[in-house]
Amino acid sequence: MYRYEFSEHAQAQLIKLPYEVLDDLVDAIMQACIDPWNFQRRDDEPLDRHHAHRSVKFSDDRGTLWFLVRDGEGLLWVTAVEWLG
């Protein structure tokens, strides 16, 4: 299981999320920590494990959590949290 950390940019976005969606966000993070390679890569990335930028949707696809997989560190580095509400 991977651990996770939020970048400063993601932290600033996180505090703007509606309180009601935080449980959904936590669930998405926990799912990604189990096996982050199963989640959506960017459309312009090759299909190999060397390209580690991934995303997971939450709250009925109204939110997206973007993260980098740092395999050697066992870390998900959360780079952005988007909310379309």
Protein backbone atom coordinates (compact mmCIF):
# COMPACT_ATOMS: atom_id res chain seq x y z
CA MET A 1 0.00 0.00 0.00
CA TYR A 2 1.24 3.45 -0.92
CA ARG A 3 1.17 6.51 1.29
CA TYR A 4 0.12 9.93 -0.03
CA GLU A 5 1.12 13.56 0.29
CA PHE A 6 -0.43 16.73 -1.12
CA SER A 7 1.59 19.33 -2.99
CA GLU A 8 1.12 22.94 -1.90
CA HIS A 9 -0.96 23.53 -5.02
CA ALA A 10 -3.24 20.59 -4.20
CA GLN A 11 -3.55 21.73 -0.58
CA ALA A 12 -4.78 25.12 -1.74
CA GLN A 13 -7.40 23.42 -3.93
CA LEU A 14 -8.34 20.97 -1.19
CA ILE A 15 -9.46 23.65 1.24
CA LYS A 16 -11.88 24.99 -1.38
CA LEU A 17 -13.80 21.71 -1.71
CA PRO A 18 -17.33 21.49 -0.32
CA TYR A 19 -17.39 19.70 3.02
CA GLU A 20 -19.92 17.15 1.72
CA VAL A 21 -17.49 15.65 -0.79
CA LEU A 22 -14.53 15.07 1.54
CA ASP A 23 -15.58 11.48 2.35
CA ASP A 24 -15.70 10.72 -1.39
CA LEU A 25 -12.25 12.26 -1.82
CA VAL A 26 -10.83 10.15 1.01
CA ASP A 27 -12.35 7.02 -0.55
CA ALA A 28 -10.74 7.88 -3.90
CA ILE A 29 -7.35 8.40 -2.27
CA MET A 30 -7.59 5.11 -0.38
CA GLN A 31 -8.49 3.23 -3.58
CA ALA A 32 -5.54 4.81 -5.39
CA CYS A 33 -3.17 3.92 -2.54
CA ILE A 34 -3.95 0.22 -2.97
CA ASP A 35 -2.88 0.02 -6.63
CA PRO A 36 -2.31 3.40 -8.28
CA TRP A 37 -1.31 1.88 -11.62
CA ASN A 38 -4.92 0.85 -12.25
CA PHE A 39 -6.09 4.44 -12.59
CA GLN A 40 -6.46 6.73 -15.57
CA ARG A 41 -3.28 7.99 -17.15
CA ARG A 42 -3.13 11.22 -19.10
CA ASP A 43 -4.38 10.82 -22.66
CA ASP A 44 -1.01 11.82 -24.12
CA GLU A 45 1.04 9.30 -22.12
CA PRO A 46 2.28 5.92 -23.35
CA LEU A 47 0.79 2.82 -21.74
CA ASP A 48 3.85 1.85 -19.71
CA ARG A 49 4.66 2.17 -16.02
CA HIS A 50 7.39 4.73 -16.60
CA HIS A 51 4.76 7.42 -17.08
CA ALA A 52 3.35 7.87 -13.65
CA HIS A 53 0.80 10.71 -13.83
CA ARG A 54 -2.62 9.31 -12.99
CA SER A 55 -6.09 10.53 -12.01
CA VAL A 56 -9.13 9.22 -10.21
CA LYS A 57 -12.65 10.65 -10.29
CA PHE A 58 -14.80 11.14 -7.19
CA SER A 59 -18.27 12.41 -6.23
CA ASP A 60 -20.12 11.20 -9.33
CA ASP A 61 -17.28 12.38 -11.61
CA ARG A 62 -17.62 15.98 -10.43
CA GLY A 63 -14.13 15.90 -8.92
CA THR A 64 -10.76 14.67 -10.14
CA LEU A 65 -7.72 13.86 -8.06
CA TRP A 66 -4.42 14.05 -10.02
CA PHE A 67 -1.33 12.31 -8.68
CA LEU A 68 2.15 11.14 -9.57
CA VAL A 69 3.16 7.62 -8.62
CA ARG A 70 6.60 7.59 -7.01
CA ASP A 71 7.02 3.85 -7.06
CA GLY A 72 10.47 3.69 -5.45
CA GLU A 73 9.22 5.78 -2.52
CA GLY A 74 5.84 4.06 -2.19
CA LEU A 75 4.25 7.50 -2.52
CA LEU A 76 1.33 9.11 -4.33
CA TRP A 77 2.20 12.77 -4.78
CA VAL A 78 -1.16 14.56 -5.18
CA THR A 79 -0.57 17.36 -7.65
CA ALA A 80 -4.09 18.74 -8.12
CA VAL A 81 -7.69 18.42 -6.96
CA GLU A 82 -10.24 19.66 -9.48
CA TRP A 83 -13.85 20.31 -8.52
CA LEU A 84 -16.48 20.97 -11.17
CA GLY A 85 -19.35 20.86 -8.71
